[in-house]
């Protein structure tokens, strides 16, 4: 019988990577403490650092979404005002 792969949440992965980046414990210590493979944590760290720039600048899609949301909110306000 094969063992089922465990899926970890992005919150869990981020928590462990941040713990690793604080340099208070080694990669092996953190992996052991959370019962995960050290290679998994190393991969998560690599992915985290490779995508860190995204967090520092809003993407075009996010900007467009926010603009659309504001537009919809204004339309709702006008609709609610005229419905009274």
C-alpha atoms as a PDB file:
ATOM      1  CA  UNK A   1       0.000   0.000   0.000  1.00  0.00           C
ATOM      2  CA  UNK A   2       1.407   3.402  -0.927  1.00  0.00           C
ATOM      3  CA  UNK A   3       1.655   6.276   1.486  1.00  0.00           C
ATOM      4  CA  UNK A   4      -0.536   9.284   0.708  1.00  0.00           C
ATOM      5  CA  UNK A   5       1.312  12.552   0.043  1.00  0.00           C
ATOM      6  CA  UNK A   6       0.706  15.221   2.623  1.00  0.00           C
ATOM      7  CA  UNK A   7      -0.406  18.589   1.290  1.00  0.00           C
ATOM      8  CA  UNK A   8       0.712  21.574   3.308  1.00  0.00           C
ATOM      9  CA  UNK A   9      -1.056  24.918   3.306  1.00  0.00           C
ATOM     10  CA  UNK A  10       0.684  28.025   2.066  1.00  0.00           C
ATOM     11  CA  UNK A  11       0.285  29.472   5.566  1.00  0.00           C
ATOM     12  CA  UNK A  12       2.158  26.530   7.081  1.00  0.00           C
ATOM     13  CA  UNK A  13       4.918  26.734   4.474  1.00  0.00           C
ATOM     14  CA  UNK A  14       5.321  30.477   4.943  1.00  0.00           C
ATOM     15  CA  UNK A  15       5.446  30.125   8.720  1.00  0.00           C
ATOM     16  CA  UNK A  16       8.254  27.589   8.492  1.00  0.00           C
ATOM     17  CA  UNK A  17      10.227  29.574   5.911  1.00  0.00           C
ATOM     18  CA  UNK A  18      10.005  32.701   8.058  1.00  0.00           C
ATOM     19  CA  UNK A  19      11.134  30.672  11.053  1.00  0.00           C
ATOM     20  CA  UNK A  20      14.103  29.464   9.001  1.00  0.00           C
ATOM     21  CA  UNK A  21      14.985  32.977   7.834  1.00  0.00           C
ATOM     22  CA  UNK A  22      15.161  34.183  11.442  1.00  0.00           C
ATOM     23  CA  UNK A  23      18.306  32.018  11.811  1.00  0.00           C
ATOM     24  CA  UNK A  24      17.372  30.872  15.311  1.00  0.00           C
ATOM     25  CA  UNK A  25      17.217  27.210  14.255  1.00  0.00           C
ATOM     26  CA  UNK A  26      18.781  25.232  11.436  1.00  0.00           C
ATOM     27  CA  UNK A  27      16.863  23.886   8.492  1.00  0.00           C
ATOM     28  CA  UNK A  28      17.238  20.338   9.830  1.00  0.00           C
ATOM     29  CA  UNK A  29      16.023  21.354  13.304  1.00  0.00           C
ATOM     30  CA  UNK A  30      12.914  23.062  11.954  1.00  0.00           C
ATOM     31  CA  UNK A  31      12.139  20.190   9.585  1.00  0.00           C
ATOM     32  CA  UNK A  32      12.540  17.673  12.395  1.00  0.00           C
ATOM     33  CA  UNK A  33      10.401  19.725  14.783  1.00  0.00           C
ATOM     34  CA  UNK A  34       7.549  19.825  12.255  1.00  0.00           C
ATOM     35  CA  UNK A  35       8.053  16.275  10.980  1.00  0.00           C
ATOM     36  CA  UNK A  36       8.773  17.253   7.384  1.00  0.00           C
ATOM     37  CA  UNK A  37      11.618  16.458   5.014  1.00  0.00           C
ATOM     38  CA  UNK A  38      14.437  19.027   5.048  1.00  0.00           C
ATOM     39  CA  UNK A  39      14.348  19.070   1.242  1.00  0.00           C
ATOM     40  CA  UNK A  40      10.710  20.222   1.351  1.00  0.00           C
ATOM     41  CA  UNK A  41      11.648  23.154   3.564  1.00  0.00           C
ATOM     42  CA  UNK A  42      14.609  23.987   1.321  1.00  0.00           C
ATOM     43  CA  UNK A  43      12.310  23.994  -1.728  1.00  0.00           C
ATOM     44  CA  UNK A  44       9.756  26.193   0.040  1.00  0.00           C
ATOM     45  CA  UNK A  45      12.493  28.660   0.996  1.00  0.00           C
ATOM     46  CA  UNK A  46      13.753  28.778  -2.588  1.00  0.00           C
ATOM     47  CA  UNK A  47      10.223  29.393  -3.913  1.00  0.00           C
ATOM     48  CA  UNK A  48       9.537  31.995  -1.223  1.00  0.00           C
ATOM     49  CA  UNK A  49      12.678  33.977  -1.999  1.00  0.00           C
ATOM     50  CA  UNK A  50      12.181  33.701  -5.759  1.00  0.00           C
ATOM     51  CA  UNK A  51       8.700  35.216  -5.415  1.00  0.00           C
ATOM     52  CA  UNK A  52       9.387  37.775  -2.684  1.00  0.00           C
ATOM     53  CA  UNK A  53       9.550  40.596  -5.225  1.00  0.00           C
ATOM     54  CA  UNK A  54       5.905  40.007  -6.130  1.00  0.00           C
ATOM     55  CA  UNK A  55       4.863  40.970  -2.605  1.00  0.00           C
ATOM     56  CA  UNK A  56       6.652  44.306  -2.882  1.00  0.00           C
ATOM     57  CA  UNK A  57       4.908  45.568  -6.002  1.00  0.00           C
ATOM     58  CA  UNK A  58       1.236  45.166  -6.793  1.00  0.00           C
ATOM     59  CA  UNK A  59       0.656  43.351 -10.014  1.00  0.00           C
ATOM     60  CA  UNK A  60      -1.339  44.777 -12.872  1.00  0.00           C
ATOM     61  CA  UNK A  61      -4.089  42.240 -12.236  1.00  0.00           C
ATOM     62  CA  UNK A  62      -4.424  43.303  -8.595  1.00  0.00           C
ATOM     63  CA  UNK A  63      -4.519  46.969  -9.578  1.00  0.00           C
ATOM     64  CA  UNK A  64      -7.199  46.302 -12.193  1.00  0.00           C
ATOM     65  CA  UNK A  65      -9.203  44.251  -9.689  1.00  0.00           C
ATOM     66  CA  UNK A  66      -9.103  47.059  -7.135  1.00  0.00           C
ATOM     67  CA  UNK A  67     -10.188  49.599  -9.753  1.00  0.00           C
ATOM     68  CA  UNK A  68     -13.077  47.363 -10.812  1.00  0.00           C
ATOM     69  CA  UNK A  69     -14.079  46.866  -7.178  1.00  0.00           C
ATOM     70  CA  UNK A  70     -14.151  50.616  -6.543  1.00  0.00           C
ATOM     71  CA  UNK A  71     -16.193  51.139  -9.714  1.00  0.00           C
ATOM     72  CA  UNK A  72     -18.712  48.484  -8.600  1.00  0.00           C
ATOM     73  CA  UNK A  73     -18.970  49.995  -5.130  1.00  0.00           C
ATOM     74  CA  UNK A  74     -19.734  53.411  -6.602  1.00  0.00           C
ATOM     75  CA  UNK A  75     -22.394  51.898  -8.865  1.00  0.00           C
ATOM     76  CA  UNK A  76     -23.953  50.162  -5.856  1.00  0.00           C
ATOM     77  CA  UNK A  77     -23.971  53.410  -3.898  1.00  0.00           C
ATOM     78  CA  UNK A  78     -25.722  55.210  -6.774  1.00  0.00           C
ATOM     79  CA  UNK A  79     -28.233  52.392  -7.115  1.00  0.00           C
ATOM     80  CA  UNK A  80     -28.969  52.405  -3.383  1.00  0.00           C
ATOM     81  CA  UNK A  81     -29.340  56.191  -3.417  1.00  0.00           C
ATOM     82  CA  UNK A  82     -31.780  56.204  -6.352  1.00  0.00           C
ATOM     83  CA  UNK A  83     -33.799  53.299  -4.896  1.00  0.00           C
ATOM     84  CA  UNK A  84     -34.845  55.287  -1.845  1.00  0.00           C
END
